[in-house]
Amino acid sequence: MIAQLIFLVLVVAGTWLFARNVRKISRNIKLGKDLDRSDRPGERWMTMIRVALGQSKMVVRPVAGILHFFVYAGFIIINIEVLEIIIDGLAGTHRVFAPFLGPLYDFLIGSFEVLAFLVLSGCVVFLLRRNVVRLKRFWSLEMTSWPRSDANIILITEIALMTAFLTMNAADQILQSRGAEHYIRAGTYPVSNFLVPAFTSWSDAGLAGLERFCWWFHIVFIFVFLNYVPYSKHFHIFLAFPNTWYSNLEKKGRFTNMPSVTQEVKLMLDPAAAVPEGYQPPAGFGAKDIYDLTWKNLMDAYSCTECGRCTSVCPANQTGKLLSPRKIMMDTRDRLEEVGKQLDKNGNGFRDEKNLFSYITEEELWACTSCNACTEACPVNIDPLAIIVEMRRYLVMEQSKMPAEIQMMLTRVENNGAPWQFAQADRFKWAE
């Protein structure tokens, strides 16, 4: 009975802490400006199914894609067993679903074991790729000690969880074969069966202790993992689905117009035009801080997996320029987290002297070629270019700060109606 009460406290506390952290992240995302992404629902569902569920962008790089699919599928499917663990922990039963599912239960446990082995193998390979092979995109400038440690912590935790799961099953099946009390015959064990010889000499009490230790280790670390994830890049586990559903479905080369600018231009061209009811002159242009971005930009920041695929295909980065699309997303998230912590301390009226430009330099922003390679490569449809463009708009329209070449181009557009030095009437003179 004491064990059941301890388990109940663990479940309630773990669930409450996770819910609190999720509420904070939700509040932080809602600090962004409103944006309507509810159009074309059928296309959005298909995008989510293809990209988030089907991992379509991951398998572009087959080795990483296939291994990630194993880890992803294992994480989702194996955790179905957590439901049984929770019921067993609260009710004091053991493998409560076995009598009801019969042969299906055997199939499920066998499938879970195969998936657990694949997850374990995938995590080992990923650890080697990061720390032994040292793939370049995992060792870029923005990948400081914490981002690298974060990835390793998750991978090691997954390895530990799968090892505990398989060891628990190995001890369990030995106790089943010996007819030990409480250990009903249930399940098939195609993987943990290979571990059985290592424990056959153990006593019943020793095996029961091992099985219980692994059982508690497995469930406790699941709740620890659950509450670590909101502080980690691995929160994309939860956000990948909504983030892909709310993807930008427009053509990649289509830029957004600023409604405030459009309205101002219309009023300037036709001063006699009626001013729309409730119209307010724009308070500012572009994005200086996270409040000036949309909630989708901020969701993108929390959805970033830090995989570096965006940076690895960025032509500016490949030619040695400072820009890294991954860093743009990481910096946006860091700023958002900083604001969130201050809001927790000081309330909703908080404002500080820092902003996005405290993290992202102008050199990074102007290095971008707007080619959209980063958005095309992202496994969860994150759009770093949207943030870059908004911050550029702030520099140009609020601060009049831009490279000389761009200033010259804008002047020519204003004077000549074309980016070249020829007047609009002679705009094709350059072709001669």
Protein backbone atom coordinates (compact mmCIF):
# COMPACT_ATOMS: atom_id res chain seq x y z
CA MET A 1 0.00 0.00 0.00
CA ILE A 2 2.87 2.40 0.79
CA ALA A 3 4.40 1.74 -2.63
CA GLN A 4 1.08 2.58 -4.28
CA LEU A 5 0.80 5.86 -2.35
CA ILE A 6 4.37 6.80 -3.33
CA PHE A 7 3.54 6.00 -6.92
CA LEU A 8 0.36 8.11 -6.77
CA VAL A 9 2.35 11.09 -5.46
CA LEU A 10 4.90 10.58 -8.27
CA VAL A 11 2.19 10.53 -10.97
CA VAL A 12 0.33 13.57 -9.60
CA ALA A 13 3.49 15.63 -8.99
CA GLY A 14 5.06 14.72 -12.34
CA THR A 15 1.88 15.48 -14.28
CA TRP A 16 1.31 18.78 -12.42
CA LEU A 17 4.87 19.99 -12.99
CA PHE A 18 4.67 19.14 -16.69
CA ALA A 19 1.32 20.91 -17.06
CA ARG A 20 2.73 24.01 -15.33
CA ASN A 21 5.74 24.11 -17.66
CA VAL A 22 3.53 23.69 -20.71
CA ARG A 23 1.32 26.57 -19.55
CA LYS A 24 4.39 28.81 -19.30
CA ILE A 25 5.49 27.91 -22.81
CA SER A 26 1.96 28.49 -24.11
CA ARG A 27 1.93 31.91 -22.43
CA ASN A 28 5.31 32.77 -23.95
CA ILE A 29 4.14 31.81 -27.45
CA LYS A 30 1.03 33.96 -27.02
CA LEU A 31 3.26 37.01 -26.44
CA GLY A 32 3.55 37.16 -30.23
CA LYS A 33 1.21 39.07 -32.50
CA ASP A 34 -1.95 37.48 -33.84
CA LEU A 35 -1.82 35.54 -37.10
CA ASP A 36 -4.59 33.62 -38.84
CA ARG A 37 -3.41 30.20 -39.98
CA SER A 38 -6.77 28.43 -40.08
CA ASP A 39 -7.27 28.45 -43.86
CA ARG A 40 -7.10 25.35 -46.11
CA PRO A 41 -7.56 22.82 -43.25
CA GLY A 42 -7.47 19.79 -45.56
CA GLU A 43 -4.07 20.78 -46.90
CA ARG A 44 -2.86 21.47 -43.37
CA TRP A 45 -3.86 18.01 -42.14
CA MET A 46 -2.09 16.40 -45.08
CA THR A 47 1.03 18.49 -44.43
CA MET A 48 1.05 17.43 -40.78
CA ILE A 49 0.54 13.75 -41.64
CA ARG A 50 3.25 13.81 -44.30
CA VAL A 51 5.89 15.88 -42.50
CA ALA A 52 5.35 15.25 -38.77
CA LEU A 53 3.85 11.77 -38.74
CA GLY A 54 5.45 10.43 -41.90
CA GLN A 55 8.87 12.03 -41.29
CA SER A 56 9.07 12.86 -45.01
CA LYS A 57 11.83 15.44 -44.62
CA MET A 58 13.90 13.31 -42.27
CA VAL A 59 14.44 10.48 -44.77
CA VAL A 60 16.00 12.88 -47.29
CA ARG A 61 19.17 11.88 -45.44
CA PRO A 62 18.54 8.12 -45.27
CA VAL A 63 20.86 7.00 -42.44
CA ALA A 64 19.79 9.67 -39.97
CA GLY A 65 16.19 9.51 -41.24
CA ILE A 66 15.75 5.76 -40.74
CA LEU A 67 17.43 5.76 -37.33
CA HIS A 68 15.34 8.74 -36.25
CA PHE A 69 12.20 6.95 -37.40
CA PHE A 70 13.11 3.97 -35.16
CA VAL A 71 13.68 6.25 -32.17
CA TYR A 72 10.53 8.25 -32.92
CA ALA A 73 8.33 5.17 -33.44
CA GLY A 74 9.79 3.50 -30.37
CA PHE A 75 9.22 6.56 -28.22
CA ILE A 76 5.57 6.78 -29.29
CA ILE A 77 4.66 3.10 -29.30
CA ILE A 78 6.66 1.78 -26.35
CA ASN A 79 5.13 4.47 -24.14
CA ILE A 80 1.76 2.83 -24.72
CA GLU A 81 3.01 0.40 -22.09
CA VAL A 82 3.28 3.30 -19.65
CA LEU A 83 -0.51 3.13 -19.33
CA GLU A 84 -0.21 -0.43 -18.03
CA ILE A 85 2.65 0.57 -15.72
CA ILE A 86 0.55 3.39 -14.25
CA ILE A 87 -2.44 1.11 -13.66
CA ASP A 88 -0.20 -1.57 -12.12
CA GLY A 89 1.47 1.04 -9.92
CA LEU A 90 -1.82 2.45 -8.64
CA ALA A 91 -3.66 -0.87 -8.26
CA GLY A 92 -0.76 -3.04 -7.12
CA THR A 93 -1.30 -5.48 -10.00
CA HIS A 94 1.22 -6.95 -12.45
CA ARG A 95 0.72 -6.90 -16.23
CA VAL A 96 -2.94 -6.04 -15.78
CA PHE A 97 -3.73 -6.10 -19.52
CA ALA A 98 -2.45 -9.64 -20.10
CA PRO A 99 -5.64 -11.54 -19.08
CA PHE A 100 -7.78 -9.27 -21.28
CA LEU A 101 -5.66 -9.17 -24.42
CA GLY A 102 -4.43 -12.78 -24.49
CA PRO A 103 -2.28 -13.54 -27.59
CA LEU A 104 -2.43 -9.88 -28.64
CA TYR A 105 -0.59 -9.01 -25.43
CA ASP A 106 2.20 -11.41 -26.35
CA PHE A 107 2.48 -9.77 -29.76
CA LEU A 108 2.54 -6.27 -28.27
CA ILE A 109 5.25 -7.03 -25.71
CA GLY A 110 7.33 -8.74 -28.40
CA SER A 111 6.91 -5.69 -30.67
CA PHE A 112 7.83 -3.34 -27.83
CA GLU A 113 11.03 -5.31 -27.24
CA VAL A 114 12.06 -5.15 -30.89
CA LEU A 115 11.37 -1.41 -30.93
CA ALA A 116 13.28 -0.96 -27.67
CA PHE A 117 16.31 -2.62 -29.23
CA LEU A 118 16.02 -0.41 -32.32
CA VAL A 119 15.70 2.72 -30.15
CA LEU A 120 18.73 1.68 -28.12
CA SER A 121 20.75 0.97 -31.27
CA GLY A 122 19.69 4.25 -32.88
CA CYS A 123 20.64 6.27 -29.80
CA VAL A 124 24.07 4.60 -29.65
CA VAL A 125 24.68 5.47 -33.31
CA PHE A 126 23.54 9.04 -32.75
CA LEU A 127 25.90 9.37 -29.79
CA LEU A 128 28.79 8.12 -31.93
CA ARG A 129 27.86 10.50 -34.78
CA ARG A 130 27.86 13.44 -32.39
CA ASN A 131 30.86 12.67 -30.21
CA VAL A 132 33.17 10.35 -32.17
CA VAL A 133 32.48 11.08 -35.85
CA ARG A 134 31.76 14.70 -34.81
CA LEU A 135 29.61 15.72 -37.75
CA LYS A 136 30.30 19.34 -38.61
CA ARG A 137 26.73 20.57 -38.13
CA PHE A 138 26.79 19.39 -34.51
CA TRP A 139 29.93 21.41 -33.75
CA SER A 140 29.09 24.82 -35.25
CA LEU A 141 29.75 28.00 -33.27
CA GLU A 142 26.24 28.17 -31.83
CA MET A 143 26.49 24.58 -30.59
CA THR A 144 28.05 25.53 -27.27
CA SER A 145 28.46 23.16 -24.32
CA TRP A 146 24.78 23.22 -23.30
CA PRO A 147 23.21 22.37 -26.69
CA ARG A 148 25.68 19.51 -27.12
CA SER A 149 25.11 18.31 -23.55
CA ASP A 150 21.35 18.55 -23.98
CA ALA A 151 21.43 16.16 -26.94
CA ASN A 152 23.72 13.73 -25.12
CA ILE A 153 21.59 13.77 -21.97
CA ILE A 154 18.49 12.80 -23.94
CA LEU A 155 20.29 10.05 -25.87
CA ILE A 156 21.86 8.57 -22.71
CA THR A 157 18.50 8.75 -20.92
CA GLU A 158 16.82 6.87 -23.78
CA ILE A 159 19.55 4.21 -23.68
CA ALA A 160 19.11 3.85 -19.92
CA LEU A 161 15.32 3.59 -20.23
CA MET A 162 15.47 0.92 -22.93
CA THR A 163 18.13 -1.04 -21.02
CA ALA A 164 15.98 -0.95 -17.87
CA PHE A 165 12.94 -2.04 -19.88
CA LEU A 166 14.72 -5.06 -21.39
CA THR A 167 16.40 -6.01 -18.09
CA MET A 168 13.05 -5.80 -16.30
CA ASN A 169 11.53 -8.17 -18.86
CA ALA A 170 14.46 -10.60 -18.58
CA ALA A 171 14.04 -10.86 -14.81
CA ASP A 172 10.26 -11.04 -15.19
CA GLN A 173 10.31 -13.99 -17.57
CA ILE A 174 12.67 -15.97 -15.30
CA LEU A 175 10.33 -15.39 -12.36
CA GLN A 176 7.40 -16.41 -14.57
CA SER A 177 9.13 -19.67 -15.49
CA ARG A 178 9.79 -20.40 -11.81
CA GLY A 179 6.15 -19.82 -10.93
CA ALA A 180 6.97 -17.00 -8.55
CA GLU A 181 3.99 -15.40 -6.83
CA HIS A 182 2.65 -12.24 -8.48
CA TYR A 183 4.48 -12.91 -11.80
CA ILE A 184 1.80 -14.28 -14.13
CA ARG A 185 2.80 -15.95 -17.39
CA ALA A 186 2.34 -13.35 -20.08
CA GLY A 187 4.19 -11.84 -23.02
CA THR A 188 6.86 -12.95 -25.46
CA TYR A 189 10.41 -11.66 -25.16
CA PRO A 190 12.43 -11.95 -28.38
CA VAL A 191 15.15 -9.52 -27.24
CA SER A 192 15.37 -9.73 -23.45
CA ASN A 193 15.48 -13.52 -23.85
CA PHE A 194 19.15 -13.07 -24.78
CA LEU A 195 19.76 -11.46 -21.38
CA VAL A 196 18.22 -14.32 -19.41
CA PRO A 197 21.45 -16.42 -19.12
CA ALA A 198 23.10 -13.54 -17.24
CA PHE A 199 20.51 -13.80 -14.43
CA THR A 200 19.58 -17.49 -14.24
CA SER A 201 21.82 -18.04 -11.20
CA TRP A 202 20.07 -15.28 -9.23
CA SER A 203 17.67 -16.14 -6.41
CA ASP A 204 13.98 -15.34 -6.64
CA ALA A 205 14.40 -12.50 -4.17
CA GLY A 206 17.30 -11.06 -6.14
CA LEU A 207 15.40 -11.27 -9.41
CA ALA A 208 12.30 -9.69 -7.86
CA GLY A 209 14.47 -6.87 -6.52
CA LEU A 210 16.06 -6.38 -9.94
CA GLU A 211 12.70 -6.40 -11.70
CA ARG A 212 11.22 -3.90 -9.22
CA PHE A 213 14.29 -1.65 -9.43
CA CYS A 214 14.07 -1.56 -13.22
CA TRP A 215 10.31 -1.02 -13.06
CA TRP A 216 10.68 1.97 -10.73
CA PHE A 217 13.68 3.29 -12.66
CA HIS A 218 11.71 3.13 -15.91
CA ILE A 219 8.63 4.97 -14.65
CA VAL A 220 10.50 7.52 -12.50
CA PHE A 221 12.79 8.47 -15.36
CA ILE A 222 9.84 8.77 -17.74
CA PHE A 223 8.41 11.47 -15.47
CA VAL A 224 11.85 13.05 -15.04
CA PHE A 225 12.23 13.03 -18.83
CA LEU A 226 8.73 14.48 -19.22
CA ASN A 227 9.63 17.45 -17.04
CA TYR A 228 13.07 17.90 -18.55
CA VAL A 229 11.75 18.12 -22.10
CA PRO A 230 10.17 21.62 -21.73
CA TYR A 231 13.66 22.95 -20.91
CA SER A 232 15.20 21.10 -23.84
CA LYS A 233 15.24 21.24 -27.63
CA HIS A 234 13.34 17.95 -27.47
CA PHE A 235 10.11 19.80 -26.79
CA HIS A 236 9.70 19.42 -30.55
CA ILE A 237 8.38 15.95 -29.67
CA PHE A 238 5.14 17.70 -28.67
CA LEU A 239 5.23 20.75 -30.95
CA ALA A 240 6.15 19.07 -34.26
CA PHE A 241 2.52 18.21 -35.01
CA PRO A 242 0.90 21.62 -34.35
CA ASN A 243 3.88 23.42 -35.87
CA THR A 244 3.55 21.56 -39.17
CA TRP A 245 -0.22 21.98 -39.12
CA TYR A 246 0.26 25.75 -38.92
CA SER A 247 2.87 25.75 -41.71
CA ASN A 248 3.04 28.60 -44.20
CA LEU A 249 1.29 27.10 -47.23
CA GLU A 250 2.15 29.93 -49.60
CA LYS A 251 4.81 29.56 -52.27
CA LYS A 252 8.27 29.75 -50.75
CA GLY A 253 9.22 32.85 -52.74
CA ARG A 254 6.18 34.88 -51.74
CA PHE A 255 6.85 37.57 -49.16
CA THR A 256 4.17 38.96 -46.89
CA ASN A 257 3.00 42.55 -47.21
CA MET A 258 2.62 44.65 -44.09
CA PRO A 259 -1.07 45.64 -43.87
CA SER A 260 -0.15 48.84 -42.06
CA VAL A 261 2.20 49.89 -44.87
CA THR A 262 -0.32 48.92 -47.56
CA GLN A 263 -3.00 51.05 -45.87
CA GLU A 264 -0.65 54.01 -45.46
CA VAL A 265 0.34 53.86 -49.14
CA LYS A 266 -3.34 53.76 -50.20
CA LEU A 267 -4.12 56.80 -48.07
CA MET A 268 -1.06 58.61 -49.45
CA LEU A 269 -2.03 57.92 -53.07
CA ASP A 270 -5.64 58.87 -52.50
CA PRO A 271 -5.96 61.38 -49.64
CA ALA A 272 -9.68 61.64 -50.32
CA ALA A 273 -10.20 57.97 -49.59
CA ALA A 274 -12.24 57.13 -46.51
CA VAL A 275 -10.18 56.07 -43.51
CA PRO A 276 -11.34 52.61 -42.37
CA GLU A 277 -13.29 52.56 -39.11
CA GLY A 278 -11.03 51.94 -36.16
CA TYR A 279 -7.90 52.56 -38.18
CA GLN A 280 -4.80 53.41 -36.18
CA PRO A 281 -1.51 54.60 -37.71
CA PRO A 282 1.19 51.95 -37.39
CA ALA A 283 3.11 52.11 -34.12
CA GLY A 284 6.16 50.54 -35.70
CA PHE A 285 7.48 48.45 -38.54
CA GLY A 286 9.19 45.09 -38.52
CA ALA A 287 10.44 43.28 -35.42
CA LYS A 288 12.72 44.61 -32.73
CA ASP A 289 11.77 42.11 -30.05
CA ILE A 290 9.72 38.96 -29.59
CA TYR A 291 6.52 41.02 -29.06
CA ASP A 292 6.79 42.19 -32.68
CA LEU A 293 6.92 38.65 -34.08
CA THR A 294 3.84 36.47 -34.60
CA TRP A 295 2.91 33.63 -32.30
CA LYS A 296 3.87 31.24 -35.13
CA ASN A 297 7.42 32.67 -35.22
CA LEU A 298 7.63 32.00 -31.48
CA MET A 299 6.21 28.50 -31.85
CA ASP A 300 8.88 27.89 -34.50
CA ALA A 301 11.53 28.85 -31.95
CA TYR A 302 10.24 26.31 -29.43
CA SER A 303 9.87 23.66 -32.17
CA CYS A 304 13.51 23.88 -33.30
CA THR A 305 15.28 20.53 -33.01
CA GLU A 306 18.75 22.10 -33.37
CA CYS A 307 19.54 19.43 -35.95
CA GLY A 308 21.39 21.95 -38.10
CA ARG A 309 19.95 20.84 -41.42
CA CYS A 310 18.96 24.44 -42.14
CA THR A 311 22.47 25.73 -41.50
CA SER A 312 24.10 22.91 -43.46
CA VAL A 313 22.23 23.95 -46.65
CA CYS A 314 22.49 27.72 -46.12
CA PRO A 315 24.61 29.17 -48.97
CA ALA A 316 25.65 32.13 -46.84
CA ASN A 317 26.91 29.83 -44.08
CA GLN A 318 28.66 27.56 -46.57
CA THR A 319 30.67 30.52 -47.89
CA GLY A 320 31.90 31.40 -44.41
CA LYS A 321 29.46 34.17 -43.51
CA LEU A 322 28.24 34.58 -39.97
CA LEU A 323 24.63 33.62 -40.65
CA SER A 324 23.30 30.34 -39.24
CA PRO A 325 19.50 29.86 -39.51
CA ARG A 326 19.67 27.44 -36.57
CA LYS A 327 21.27 30.17 -34.42
CA ILE A 328 18.48 32.59 -35.40
CA MET A 329 15.94 30.14 -33.98
CA MET A 330 18.01 29.33 -30.90
CA ASP A 331 18.56 33.02 -30.17
CA THR A 332 14.85 33.78 -30.57
CA ARG A 333 14.03 30.99 -28.13
CA ASP A 334 16.69 32.19 -25.68
CA ARG A 335 15.25 35.71 -25.76
CA LEU A 336 11.73 34.32 -25.35
CA GLU A 337 12.81 32.23 -22.37
CA GLU A 338 14.53 35.25 -20.85
CA VAL A 339 11.36 37.33 -21.15
CA GLY A 340 9.28 34.46 -19.77
CA LYS A 341 11.44 34.15 -16.64
CA GLN A 342 11.21 37.90 -16.05
CA LEU A 343 7.43 37.76 -16.45
CA ASP A 344 7.32 35.02 -13.81
CA LYS A 345 9.20 37.34 -11.43
CA ASN A 346 7.81 40.77 -12.28
CA GLY A 347 4.38 40.23 -13.86
CA ASN A 348 2.93 41.09 -17.25
CA GLY A 349 4.05 44.71 -17.26
CA PHE A 350 7.71 43.72 -17.50
CA ARG A 351 9.95 45.35 -20.13
CA ASP A 352 13.75 45.39 -20.13
CA GLU A 353 16.42 47.14 -22.18
CA LYS A 354 17.32 44.05 -24.18
CA ASN A 355 15.75 42.81 -27.41
CA LEU A 356 16.37 40.39 -30.27
CA PHE A 357 19.26 42.51 -31.48
CA SER A 358 21.00 41.71 -28.19
CA TYR A 359 21.31 38.17 -29.54
CA ILE A 360 21.25 38.48 -33.34
CA THR A 361 23.67 40.80 -35.13
CA GLU A 362 22.95 42.91 -38.18
CA GLU A 363 25.76 41.12 -39.99
CA GLU A 364 23.88 37.83 -39.63
CA LEU A 365 20.64 39.33 -40.92
CA TRP A 366 22.14 40.94 -44.01
CA ALA A 367 24.09 37.80 -44.92
CA CYS A 368 20.81 36.03 -45.73
CA THR A 369 20.10 35.60 -49.45
CA SER A 370 16.36 34.91 -48.87
CA CYS A 371 16.70 31.67 -50.85
CA ASN A 372 14.48 29.67 -48.44
CA ALA A 373 16.85 26.68 -48.43
CA CYS A 374 16.56 26.63 -44.62
CA THR A 375 12.75 26.44 -44.62
CA GLU A 376 12.83 23.72 -47.27
CA ALA A 377 15.30 21.61 -45.27
CA CYS A 378 13.66 21.91 -41.84
CA PRO A 379 12.11 18.59 -40.70
CA VAL A 380 9.26 20.39 -38.91
CA ASN A 381 8.64 23.28 -41.36
CA ILE A 382 10.24 26.04 -39.30
CA ASP A 383 10.64 29.36 -41.15
CA PRO A 384 13.80 31.23 -40.00
CA LEU A 385 13.51 33.58 -42.98
CA ALA A 386 10.28 35.07 -41.61
CA ILE A 387 12.12 36.28 -38.51
CA ILE A 388 15.08 37.53 -40.55
CA VAL A 389 12.81 39.54 -42.86
CA GLU A 390 10.91 41.15 -39.98
CA MET A 391 14.13 42.17 -38.23
CA ARG A 392 15.46 43.58 -41.53
CA ARG A 393 12.24 45.57 -41.93
CA TYR A 394 12.81 47.10 -38.51
CA LEU A 395 16.37 48.09 -39.45
CA VAL A 396 15.32 49.64 -42.77
CA MET A 397 12.00 51.25 -41.87
CA GLU A 398 12.65 52.25 -38.26
CA GLN A 399 16.40 52.78 -38.07
CA SER A 400 17.36 53.46 -41.71
CA LYS A 401 20.25 51.09 -41.15
CA MET A 402 21.28 48.94 -44.08
CA PRO A 403 24.34 48.12 -46.20
CA ALA A 404 25.28 50.83 -48.71
CA GLU A 405 24.42 48.57 -51.66
CA ILE A 406 20.87 48.09 -50.41
CA GLN A 407 20.46 51.79 -49.65
CA MET A 408 21.53 52.60 -53.21
CA MET A 409 19.10 50.03 -54.60
CA LEU A 410 16.18 51.42 -52.58
CA THR A 411 17.02 54.97 -53.67
CA ARG A 412 16.96 53.88 -57.32
CA VAL A 413 13.64 52.11 -56.86
CA GLU A 414 12.22 55.27 -55.33
CA ASN A 415 13.60 57.55 -58.04
CA ASN A 416 13.63 55.35 -61.12
CA GLY A 417 11.03 52.70 -60.39
CA ALA A 418 13.72 50.04 -60.89
CA PRO A 419 16.78 48.86 -58.92
CA TRP A 420 19.14 49.99 -61.67
CA GLN A 421 20.50 53.44 -62.38
CA PHE A 422 18.33 53.85 -65.49
CA ALA A 423 15.04 55.67 -65.32
CA GLN A 424 11.85 53.62 -65.48
CA ALA A 425 11.25 54.56 -69.13
CA ASP A 426 14.64 53.13 -70.00
CA ARG A 427 14.62 50.25 -67.54
CA PHE A 428 15.57 47.73 -70.26
CA LYS A 429 18.45 49.88 -71.56
CA TRP A 430 20.86 47.68 -69.61
CA ALA A 431 20.05 44.83 -72.02
CA GLU A 432 21.76 46.69 -74.87
